[in-house]
Amino acid sequence: MTSNSPPPQLPAQAVVTSSFSFEAAHYLPGHPGKCHDLHGHSYKIEVSVSGPISPNGMVVDFSDIERVVNEVIVKRWDHKLLNDTLENPTAENIAATALCLLHEAGLDASKIKLFETTDGWVEVYR
């Protein structure tokens, strides 16, 4: 292919994903197991944005995802007690809340994957 060749035919949709981490504590009111008591996690969150590839060759710029997630999620929850902002901070509720917060901030995230442990995670979709 020469530099004057047209670009290859692009797929109709693409998914762009960035990952972030934060440390937080929580407890689960009414839970019968050990998670009823205060404890912490090293959370990892993957934020995905889906959509058509624009003429500039992108769905979304990675730096835009990074800016919004750091401001709206990481800054809000890193080294915090999640129960101060979430009534029942299960992994499912944390991920669903993250998706809503990102949408409110203008990031059209399509999926959140939240790792509560290295081998346990939840995914929420829009």
C-alpha atoms as a PDB file:
ATOM      1  CA  MET A   1       0.000   0.000   0.000  1.00  0.00           C
ATOM      2  CA  THR A   2       1.388   3.424  -0.901  1.00  0.00           C
ATOM      3  CA  SER A   3       0.894   6.592   1.096  1.00  0.00           C
ATOM      4  CA  ASN A   4      -1.692   7.727  -1.490  1.00  0.00           C
ATOM      5  CA  SER A   5      -3.780   4.588  -1.104  1.00  0.00           C
ATOM      6  CA  PRO A   6      -7.194   4.910   0.512  1.00  0.00           C
ATOM      7  CA  PRO A   7      -7.419   3.549   4.057  1.00  0.00           C
ATOM      8  CA  PRO A   8      -8.616  -0.035   4.431  1.00  0.00           C
ATOM      9  CA  GLN A   9     -12.330  -0.577   4.889  1.00  0.00           C
ATOM     10  CA  LEU A  10     -13.006  -0.041   8.581  1.00  0.00           C
ATOM     11  CA  PRO A  11     -15.383  -2.128  10.680  1.00  0.00           C
ATOM     12  CA  ALA A  12     -18.708  -0.522  11.508  1.00  0.00           C
ATOM     13  CA  GLN A  13     -18.113  -0.496  15.292  1.00  0.00           C
ATOM     14  CA  ALA A  14     -15.209  -0.618  17.717  1.00  0.00           C
ATOM     15  CA  VAL A  15     -14.798  -0.820  21.498  1.00  0.00           C
ATOM     16  CA  VAL A  16     -12.184   1.334  23.239  1.00  0.00           C
ATOM     17  CA  THR A  17     -11.277   0.290  26.801  1.00  0.00           C
ATOM     18  CA  SER A  18      -9.075   1.873  29.467  1.00  0.00           C
ATOM     19  CA  SER A  19      -8.333   0.491  32.924  1.00  0.00           C
ATOM     20  CA  PHE A  20      -7.851   2.302  36.211  1.00  0.00           C
ATOM     21  CA  SER A  21      -7.372   1.334  39.833  1.00  0.00           C
ATOM     22  CA  PHE A  22      -8.341   2.703  43.214  1.00  0.00           C
ATOM     23  CA  GLU A  23      -8.196   1.600  46.828  1.00  0.00           C
ATOM     24  CA  ALA A  24     -11.366   1.778  48.911  1.00  0.00           C
ATOM     25  CA  ALA A  25     -13.072   0.347  51.964  1.00  0.00           C
ATOM     26  CA  HIS A  26     -16.662  -0.749  52.427  1.00  0.00           C
ATOM     27  CA  TYR A  27     -18.976  -2.950  54.416  1.00  0.00           C
ATOM     28  CA  LEU A  28     -22.219  -4.577  53.323  1.00  0.00           C
ATOM     29  CA  PRO A  29     -25.095  -3.835  55.706  1.00  0.00           C
ATOM     30  CA  GLY A  30     -27.329  -6.843  56.241  1.00  0.00           C
ATOM     31  CA  HIS A  31     -24.936  -9.241  54.513  1.00  0.00           C
ATOM     32  CA  PRO A  32     -24.714 -12.537  56.439  1.00  0.00           C
ATOM     33  CA  GLY A  33     -21.057 -13.219  55.537  1.00  0.00           C
ATOM     34  CA  LYS A  34     -17.721 -11.717  56.450  1.00  0.00           C
ATOM     35  CA  CYS A  35     -18.261  -8.774  54.069  1.00  0.00           C
ATOM     36  CA  HIS A  36     -20.679  -7.375  56.649  1.00  0.00           C
ATOM     37  CA  ASP A  37     -17.611  -6.017  58.476  1.00  0.00           C
ATOM     38  CA  LEU A  38     -15.452  -3.111  57.343  1.00  0.00           C
ATOM     39  CA  HIS A  39     -12.742  -4.210  54.881  1.00  0.00           C
ATOM     40  CA  GLY A  40     -10.913  -2.892  51.828  1.00  0.00           C
ATOM     41  CA  HIS A  41     -10.153  -3.792  48.246  1.00  0.00           C
ATOM     42  CA  SER A  42      -7.711  -2.854  45.521  1.00  0.00           C
ATOM     43  CA  TYR A  43     -10.324  -2.226  42.843  1.00  0.00           C
ATOM     44  CA  LYS A  44      -9.593  -2.286  39.135  1.00  0.00           C
ATOM     45  CA  ILE A  45     -12.125  -0.742  36.806  1.00  0.00           C
ATOM     46  CA  GLU A  46     -12.239  -1.090  33.025  1.00  0.00           C
ATOM     47  CA  VAL A  47     -14.291   1.499  31.170  1.00  0.00           C
ATOM     48  CA  SER A  48     -15.387   0.744  27.597  1.00  0.00           C
ATOM     49  CA  VAL A  49     -16.831   3.109  25.014  1.00  0.00           C
ATOM     50  CA  SER A  50     -18.421   1.585  21.906  1.00  0.00           C
ATOM     51  CA  GLY A  51     -19.327   3.252  18.677  1.00  0.00           C
ATOM     52  CA  PRO A  52     -18.610   3.825  15.039  1.00  0.00           C
ATOM     53  CA  ILE A  53     -15.105   4.720  13.962  1.00  0.00           C
ATOM     54  CA  SER A  54     -15.227   8.380  12.981  1.00  0.00           C
ATOM     55  CA  PRO A  55     -13.484   9.879   9.944  1.00  0.00           C
ATOM     56  CA  ASN A  56     -10.553  10.792  12.237  1.00  0.00           C
ATOM     57  CA  GLY A  57     -10.077   7.054  12.862  1.00  0.00           C
ATOM     58  CA  MET A  58     -11.314   7.001  16.486  1.00  0.00           C
ATOM     59  CA  VAL A  59     -14.363   6.143  18.532  1.00  0.00           C
ATOM     60  CA  VAL A  60     -13.055   8.217  21.446  1.00  0.00           C
ATOM     61  CA  ASP A  61      -9.651   9.518  22.446  1.00  0.00           C
ATOM     62  CA  PHE A  62      -8.039   7.502  25.268  1.00  0.00           C
ATOM     63  CA  SER A  63      -7.109  10.799  26.958  1.00  0.00           C
ATOM     64  CA  ASP A  64     -10.796  11.796  27.114  1.00  0.00           C
ATOM     65  CA  ILE A  65     -11.668   8.544  28.878  1.00  0.00           C
ATOM     66  CA  GLU A  66      -8.746   9.021  31.269  1.00  0.00           C
ATOM     67  CA  ARG A  67      -9.669  12.604  32.118  1.00  0.00           C
ATOM     68  CA  VAL A  68     -13.320  11.843  32.892  1.00  0.00           C
ATOM     69  CA  VAL A  69     -12.744   8.584  34.794  1.00  0.00           C
ATOM     70  CA  ASN A  70     -10.018  10.091  36.968  1.00  0.00           C
ATOM     71  CA  GLU A  71     -12.169  13.113  37.792  1.00  0.00           C
ATOM     72  CA  VAL A  72     -15.519  11.359  38.264  1.00  0.00           C
ATOM     73  CA  ILE A  73     -14.589   7.914  39.631  1.00  0.00           C
ATOM     74  CA  VAL A  74     -11.021   7.677  40.922  1.00  0.00           C
ATOM     75  CA  LYS A  75     -10.971  11.068  42.641  1.00  0.00           C
ATOM     76  CA  ARG A  76     -14.384  10.350  44.232  1.00  0.00           C
ATOM     77  CA  TRP A  77     -13.661   6.822  45.541  1.00  0.00           C
ATOM     78  CA  ASP A  78      -9.878   6.364  45.929  1.00  0.00           C
ATOM     79  CA  HIS A  79      -8.922   5.915  49.605  1.00  0.00           C
ATOM     80  CA  LYS A  80     -12.518   6.483  50.699  1.00  0.00           C
ATOM     81  CA  LEU A  81     -15.210   4.593  52.577  1.00  0.00           C
ATOM     82  CA  LEU A  82     -17.676   3.745  49.811  1.00  0.00           C
ATOM     83  CA  ASN A  83     -20.551   3.572  52.300  1.00  0.00           C
ATOM     84  CA  ASP A  84     -20.263   7.352  52.659  1.00  0.00           C
ATOM     85  CA  THR A  85     -21.603   7.763  49.096  1.00  0.00           C
ATOM     86  CA  LEU A  86     -23.346   4.443  48.344  1.00  0.00           C
ATOM     87  CA  GLU A  87     -26.063   2.939  50.529  1.00  0.00           C
ATOM     88  CA  ASN A  88     -25.144  -0.663  49.696  1.00  0.00           C
ATOM     89  CA  PRO A  89     -21.739  -0.731  47.956  1.00  0.00           C
ATOM     90  CA  THR A  90     -21.804  -4.205  46.432  1.00  0.00           C
ATOM     91  CA  ALA A  91     -19.619  -4.693  43.377  1.00  0.00           C
ATOM     92  CA  GLU A  92     -22.761  -4.611  41.226  1.00  0.00           C
ATOM     93  CA  ASN A  93     -23.920  -1.305  42.724  1.00  0.00           C
ATOM     94  CA  ILE A  94     -20.455   0.245  42.495  1.00  0.00           C
ATOM     95  CA  ALA A  95     -20.179  -0.664  38.795  1.00  0.00           C
ATOM     96  CA  ALA A  96     -23.726   0.493  37.990  1.00  0.00           C
ATOM     97  CA  THR A  97     -23.141   3.784  39.819  1.00  0.00           C
ATOM     98  CA  ALA A  98     -19.873   4.298  37.939  1.00  0.00           C
ATOM     99  CA  LEU A  99     -21.679   3.827  34.627  1.00  0.00           C
ATOM    100  CA  CYS A 100     -24.328   6.399  35.614  1.00  0.00           C
ATOM    101  CA  LEU A 101     -21.743   8.909  36.876  1.00  0.00           C
ATOM    102  CA  LEU A 102     -19.748   8.668  33.654  1.00  0.00           C
ATOM    103  CA  HIS A 103     -22.878   9.234  31.571  1.00  0.00           C
ATOM    104  CA  GLU A 104     -23.776  12.263  33.687  1.00  0.00           C
ATOM    105  CA  ALA A 105     -20.257  13.597  33.012  1.00  0.00           C
ATOM    106  CA  GLY A 106     -20.721  13.185  29.248  1.00  0.00           C
ATOM    107  CA  LEU A 107     -18.697  10.001  28.664  1.00  0.00           C
ATOM    108  CA  ASP A 108     -20.855   7.571  26.690  1.00  0.00           C
ATOM    109  CA  ALA A 109     -19.491   4.426  28.366  1.00  0.00           C
ATOM    110  CA  SER A 110     -21.095   1.201  27.173  1.00  0.00           C
ATOM    111  CA  LYS A 111     -19.598  -1.205  29.728  1.00  0.00           C
ATOM    112  CA  ILE A 112     -17.963  -1.163  33.129  1.00  0.00           C
ATOM    113  CA  LYS A 113     -15.948  -4.141  34.342  1.00  0.00           C
ATOM    114  CA  LEU A 114     -15.125  -3.822  38.035  1.00  0.00           C
ATOM    115  CA  PHE A 115     -12.662  -6.204  39.673  1.00  0.00           C
ATOM    116  CA  GLU A 116     -13.213  -6.435  43.418  1.00  0.00           C
ATOM    117  CA  THR A 117     -10.483  -9.074  43.650  1.00  0.00           C
ATOM    118  CA  THR A 118      -8.015 -10.390  41.098  1.00  0.00           C
ATOM    119  CA  ASP A 119     -10.317 -13.306  40.341  1.00  0.00           C
ATOM    120  CA  GLY A 120     -13.737 -11.776  40.988  1.00  0.00           C
ATOM    121  CA  TRP A 121     -15.478  -9.116  38.929  1.00  0.00           C
ATOM    122  CA  VAL A 122     -18.795  -7.798  37.731  1.00  0.00           C
ATOM    123  CA  GLU A 123     -19.747  -6.307  34.390  1.00  0.00           C
ATOM    124  CA  VAL A 124     -22.570  -3.851  33.758  1.00  0.00           C
ATOM    125  CA  TYR A 125     -23.717  -2.758  30.326  1.00  0.00           C
ATOM    126  CA  ARG A 126     -25.713   0.061  28.876  1.00  0.00           C
END
